[in-house]
Protein backbone atom coordinates (compact mmCIF):
# COMPACT_ATOMS: atom_id res chain seq x y z
CA MET A 1 -14.21 5.08 -7.41
CA GLU A 2 -17.52 6.15 -8.60
CA PHE A 3 -20.56 6.49 -6.57
CA ASN A 4 -23.83 6.52 -8.15
CA LEU A 5 -27.03 7.25 -5.34
CA GLU A 6 -30.29 6.53 -6.44
CA ALA A 7 -33.44 7.80 -4.54
CA ASP A 8 -36.90 6.37 -4.93
CA GLY A 9 -39.04 9.54 -4.09
CA GLY A 10 -42.37 7.77 -3.84
CA GLY A 11 -42.49 8.82 -0.50
CA GLN A 12 -44.06 11.96 0.96
CA GLY A 13 -43.96 14.66 -0.82
CA GLY A 14 -41.81 12.16 -3.41
CA CYS A 15 -40.80 13.31 -7.01
CA GLY A 16 -40.29 10.36 -8.76
CA ARG A 17 -36.50 8.59 -8.69
CA GLN A 18 -33.13 11.41 -7.87
CA LYS A 19 -29.92 10.04 -8.70
CA PHE A 20 -26.85 11.64 -7.28
CA GLN A 21 -23.41 11.11 -8.74
CA PHE A 22 -20.04 11.80 -6.47
CA PHE A 23 -16.43 10.58 -6.59
CA LEU A 24 -14.85 9.32 -3.16
CA PRO A 25 -11.12 8.57 -4.80
CA TYR A 26 -9.80 8.25 -0.89
CA ARG A 27 -11.75 6.79 2.20
CA LYS A 28 -10.63 9.81 4.01
CA PRO A 29 -13.40 12.16 4.09
CA SER A 30 -13.44 14.75 1.47
CA CYS A 31 -14.49 18.88 2.22
CA ASN A 32 -15.13 18.97 -1.48
CA GLY A 33 -17.49 16.15 -1.60
CA ILE A 34 -21.45 15.70 -0.74
CA GLY A 35 -22.50 15.27 2.28
CA ALA A 36 -19.36 17.52 3.44
CA ALA A 37 -19.15 19.26 6.61
CA CYS A 38 -15.85 21.47 7.13
CA TYR A 39 -13.85 24.91 7.69
CA ASP A 40 -16.40 27.55 9.86
CA PRO A 41 -18.89 25.35 9.05
CA ARG A 42 -18.95 25.10 5.11
CA PHE A 43 -21.90 22.08 3.67
CA ILE A 44 -22.51 20.60 0.64
CA GLY A 45 -25.57 18.91 0.27
CA ALA A 46 -26.82 15.95 -1.59
CA ASP A 47 -27.21 18.19 -4.80
CA GLY A 48 -23.78 19.67 -4.37
CA GLY A 49 -24.90 23.11 -3.52
CA VAL A 50 -22.39 24.77 -0.71
CA PHE A 51 -24.27 26.17 1.65
CA TYR A 52 -22.90 27.98 5.21
CA PHE A 53 -24.69 27.78 9.04
CA HIS A 54 -22.84 29.38 11.49
CA GLY A 55 -25.49 28.42 14.18
CA ARG A 56 -23.76 29.57 17.77
CA LYS A 57 -20.00 28.66 19.62
CA ASN A 58 -21.32 26.15 23.15
CA GLU A 59 -24.65 25.51 21.36
CA HIS A 60 -25.79 22.14 19.61
CA PHE A 61 -28.08 21.68 16.17
CA SER A 62 -29.50 18.41 14.78
CA LEU A 63 -26.99 18.07 11.18
CA VAL A 64 -29.31 15.16 10.56
CA SER A 65 -32.84 13.82 11.86
CA ASP A 66 -35.02 11.30 10.75
CA THR A 67 -37.25 8.64 12.35
CA ASN A 68 -34.03 6.44 12.52
CA LEU A 69 -30.86 8.94 12.95
CA GLN A 70 -30.26 12.02 14.64
CA ILE A 71 -26.96 13.19 14.48
CA ASN A 72 -26.08 16.49 15.95
CA ALA A 73 -22.61 18.87 15.90
CA ARG A 74 -21.69 21.04 19.20
CA PHE A 75 -20.01 24.07 18.10
CA ILE A 76 -17.44 26.12 19.58
CA GLY A 77 -16.26 29.46 18.39
CA HIS A 78 -14.35 33.11 18.36
CA ARG A 79 -15.38 36.33 18.18
CA PRO A 80 -12.43 38.67 16.73
CA LYS A 81 -12.14 41.72 17.98
CA GLY A 82 -14.58 44.53 15.77
CA ARG A 83 -16.61 41.76 14.35
CA THR A 84 -20.72 41.40 14.27
CA ARG A 85 -20.67 37.45 14.71
CA ASP A 86 -18.88 34.50 16.23
CA TYR A 87 -16.58 32.63 13.48
CA THR A 88 -17.89 28.91 14.55
CA TRP A 89 -16.71 25.39 13.46
CA ILE A 90 -17.94 21.27 14.48
CA GLN A 91 -15.73 20.62 17.32
CA ALA A 92 -17.92 17.35 17.89
CA LEU A 93 -20.56 15.21 16.55
CA GLY A 94 -23.49 12.81 18.73
CA ILE A 95 -25.22 10.02 16.67
CA LEU A 96 -27.86 8.36 18.25
CA PHE A 97 -29.82 5.88 16.84
CA GLY A 98 -32.37 3.01 18.58
CA SER A 99 -31.67 3.51 21.90
CA HIS A 100 -27.64 3.96 21.79
CA ASN A 101 -25.94 6.80 21.26
CA PHE A 102 -22.14 7.63 19.82
CA SER A 103 -20.18 10.83 20.24
CA VAL A 104 -16.90 11.79 18.88
CA GLU A 105 -15.14 15.26 19.64
CA ALA A 106 -11.73 17.26 18.79
CA THR A 107 -10.16 17.73 22.03
CA LYS A 108 -9.07 20.75 22.77
CA ALA A 109 -5.24 21.78 22.14
CA ALA A 110 -3.02 24.97 22.91
CA THR A 111 -0.84 23.80 20.22
CA TRP A 112 -1.24 21.20 17.78
CA ASP A 113 1.15 18.44 17.42
CA ASN A 114 -0.03 15.69 14.70
CA ASN A 115 1.32 12.87 16.17
CA VAL A 116 -0.75 13.05 19.32
CA ASP A 117 -4.26 11.54 18.96
CA HIS A 118 -7.18 14.45 19.13
CA PHE A 119 -10.42 12.75 19.50
CA LYS A 120 -12.19 11.10 22.32
CA PHE A 121 -14.82 8.62 21.41
CA SER A 122 -17.98 7.15 23.42
CA PHE A 123 -20.69 4.38 23.30
CA ASP A 124 -23.32 4.39 25.49
CA GLY A 125 -21.79 6.87 27.93
CA ASN A 126 -18.94 4.83 28.26
CA GLU A 127 -15.46 6.20 27.28
CA VAL A 128 -13.83 3.90 23.89
CA VAL A 129 -10.26 3.61 23.54
CA LEU A 130 -9.23 3.18 20.12
CA PRO A 131 -6.45 0.57 19.28
CA ALA A 132 -4.01 0.77 16.49
CA SER A 133 -6.40 -0.42 14.01
CA SER A 134 -10.06 -1.17 14.53
CA TRP A 135 -12.74 -1.06 16.77
CA THR A 136 -16.16 -2.47 16.71
CA SER A 137 -18.79 -2.10 19.73
CA GLN A 138 -20.11 -5.12 21.34
CA ASN A 139 -23.02 -5.76 19.36
CA GLY A 140 -21.65 -5.07 16.28
CA ASP A 141 -23.62 -2.07 15.72
CA VAL A 142 -20.38 0.16 15.44
CA THR A 143 -17.24 0.11 14.14
CA LEU A 144 -14.56 2.34 14.28
CA GLU A 145 -10.96 2.72 11.70
CA ARG A 146 -8.88 4.10 11.59
CA LEU A 147 -7.35 6.09 8.37
CA SER A 148 -4.17 6.56 9.79
CA SER A 149 -1.79 6.32 13.33
CA THR A 150 -3.35 10.04 14.07
CA ASN A 151 -6.51 12.19 13.70
CA SER A 152 -8.50 10.40 10.98
CA VAL A 153 -11.30 7.49 11.70
CA ILE A 154 -14.41 6.29 9.87
CA ILE A 155 -17.49 5.50 12.31
CA SER A 156 -19.73 2.87 10.59
CA VAL A 157 -23.48 2.50 12.19
CA ALA A 158 -24.82 -0.46 10.47
CA GLU A 159 -26.56 -0.43 7.40
CA ILE A 160 -27.17 3.26 8.05
CA VAL A 161 -24.43 5.85 7.72
CA GLU A 162 -20.73 6.23 7.76
CA ILE A 163 -19.06 8.83 8.56
CA GLY A 164 -15.31 10.06 8.01
CA VAL A 165 -13.81 12.35 10.07
CA ASN A 166 -10.43 14.04 10.71
CA ALA A 167 -9.46 16.38 13.16
CA VAL A 168 -7.67 19.30 12.74
CA PRO A 169 -6.78 22.37 13.81
CA ILE A 170 -7.11 26.15 12.76
CA THR A 171 -3.88 26.83 11.34
CA LYS A 172 -1.82 30.10 11.77
CA GLU A 173 -1.81 30.32 7.56
CA ASP A 174 -5.89 29.91 8.29
CA ASP A 175 -5.57 32.76 10.96
CA ARG A 176 -4.09 34.86 8.62
CA VAL A 177 -5.92 34.08 5.25
CA HIS A 178 -9.39 34.76 7.36
CA LYS A 179 -8.04 37.16 10.50
CA TYR A 180 -9.78 35.32 13.10
CA GLN A 181 -7.46 36.32 15.69
CA ILE A 182 -7.30 32.78 17.35
CA PRO A 183 -5.27 33.27 20.88
CA SER A 184 -2.04 31.93 21.67
CA ASP A 185 -3.76 29.01 24.05
CA ASP A 186 -6.09 27.31 21.98
CA CYS A 187 -5.35 26.17 17.84
CA PHE A 188 -9.58 25.31 18.16
CA ALA A 189 -9.05 22.06 17.29
CA HIS A 190 -12.13 20.65 15.43
CA LEU A 191 -13.50 18.41 13.16
CA GLU A 192 -13.91 17.87 9.19
CA VAL A 193 -16.91 15.10 8.35
CA GLN A 194 -18.13 13.60 5.68
CA PHE A 195 -21.23 11.29 5.57
CA LYS A 196 -22.42 9.18 3.20
CA PHE A 197 -26.24 7.79 4.38
CA PHE A 198 -27.44 4.25 3.17
CA ASP A 199 -31.21 4.38 4.51
CA LEU A 200 -32.64 8.41 5.02
CA SER A 201 -36.77 8.85 4.76
CA GLY A 202 -38.22 11.27 2.72
CA LEU A 203 -39.05 13.74 5.72
CA VAL A 204 -35.17 13.27 7.12
CA GLU A 205 -34.72 17.49 8.03
CA GLY A 206 -31.74 19.12 9.48
CA VAL A 207 -28.81 21.38 8.51
CA LEU A 208 -27.64 18.86 5.98
CA GLY A 209 -30.55 16.55 6.20
CA ARG A 210 -33.00 18.46 4.41
CA THR A 211 -31.25 18.68 1.27
CA TYR A 212 -31.45 15.16 0.90
CA ARG A 213 -35.13 15.53 0.33
CA PRO A 214 -36.98 14.86 -2.85
CA ASP A 215 -38.84 18.10 -2.25
CA TYR A 216 -35.27 20.09 -1.36
CA GLU A 217 -35.34 23.06 -3.48
CA SER A 218 -31.27 24.39 -3.35
CA ARG A 219 -30.80 28.10 -2.86
CA SER A 220 -27.92 27.92 -5.14
CA ARG A 221 -29.98 27.03 -8.04
CA LEU A 222 -31.75 30.17 -7.57
CA GLY A 223 -28.83 32.23 -8.24
CA VAL A 224 -27.00 31.91 -4.65
CA ALA A 225 -23.38 31.57 -5.01
CA MET A 226 -22.17 31.12 -1.26
CA ALA A 227 -25.73 30.48 0.48
CA VAL A 228 -25.71 31.51 3.99
CA VAL A 229 -28.32 29.79 5.59
CA GLY A 230 -30.44 30.05 8.56
CA GLY A 231 -32.68 27.77 11.16
CA GLU A 232 -31.00 28.05 14.21
CA ASN A 233 -34.13 27.97 15.80
CA GLU A 234 -35.59 24.95 14.39
CA TYR A 235 -32.56 22.93 14.54
CA ARG A 236 -31.05 24.04 17.68
CA THR A 237 -31.03 20.96 20.55
CA THR A 238 -30.81 21.58 24.05
CA THR A 239 -27.39 18.91 24.57
CA LEU A 240 -25.34 16.09 21.69
CA PHE A 241 -27.79 13.38 22.50
CA ALA A 242 -30.78 15.80 22.48
CA ALA A 243 -33.67 15.15 19.55
CA ASP A 244 -35.60 18.26 21.20
CA CYS A 245 -35.01 20.50 17.96
CA LYS A 246 -38.27 22.28 16.34
CA LYS A 247 -37.76 19.95 13.11
CA CYS A 248 -35.90 16.60 14.93
CA VAL A 249 -38.23 13.60 13.69
CA PHE A 250 -35.77 11.92 15.14
CA SER A 251 -37.65 8.55 17.05
CA SER A 252 -35.67 5.81 19.35
CA ASN A 253 -38.93 3.39 18.68
CA GLU A 254 -38.91 3.68 15.19
CA ASP A 255 -42.48 3.45 14.13
CA GLY A 256 -41.92 1.47 10.79
CA GLY A 257 -43.23 4.83 8.83
CA GLU A 258 -43.20 5.17 4.93
CA ARG A 259 -38.81 5.50 3.72
CA LEU A 260 -36.85 6.21 1.22
CA SER A 261 -33.95 4.35 0.50
CA LEU A 262 -30.83 5.30 -0.26
CA GLU A 263 -28.94 3.26 -1.87
CA ILE A 264 -25.50 3.22 -2.60
CA MET A 265 -24.32 1.06 -6.58
């Protein structure tokens, strides 16, 4: 299935209409598609550019911050003996919209069993128990839909964002290839995610969100094959549900400022 995504660049810093094109043959999230955040962690921006953002273990960073949407990630990590930095993975997402919040996290496991669901969800501070097929919040704003019996879901926030999420472990093969030196009592369960946005403004920020700005300049276009980007200080938040990073623009009471609509055709 082919999707065309057009952005009207008439907002602040606009530069005419932009068109992104991507393919989503299955509903499960693709780590090689636009809007993906997978591995340790590797992101694919709105222009298809690939970059890494390592962050720090046990800290939170804003992936997307817009006037009506905030998506933070909690990073877990491991530092192998002899290395100078942590390997990090996304363990949880915190989503803020209006006056509501929603979270999804991969639960810790010593060993991985794919027949066991490794998800934990909450909505406005209350745990959500996901039945066999789907769940919808009482106000209808949030929908959860299983893509398989365990460890794969679609999270939809009405007219704002759709997020495909897989819960996955660090496998023995991953450990061997990358030399993570993962301990025997923790398989570092984490999330693979892919975002589809429906209503972003031209002022959107965040580790991933900034790539959707009309004035974004990808480092991959500047000859950097596998860019590692910074921004820890700009995008660090104090908690999973905080919008207090230096570049965060989220407001629970959106002021109706100029917006840049993204439409999925």
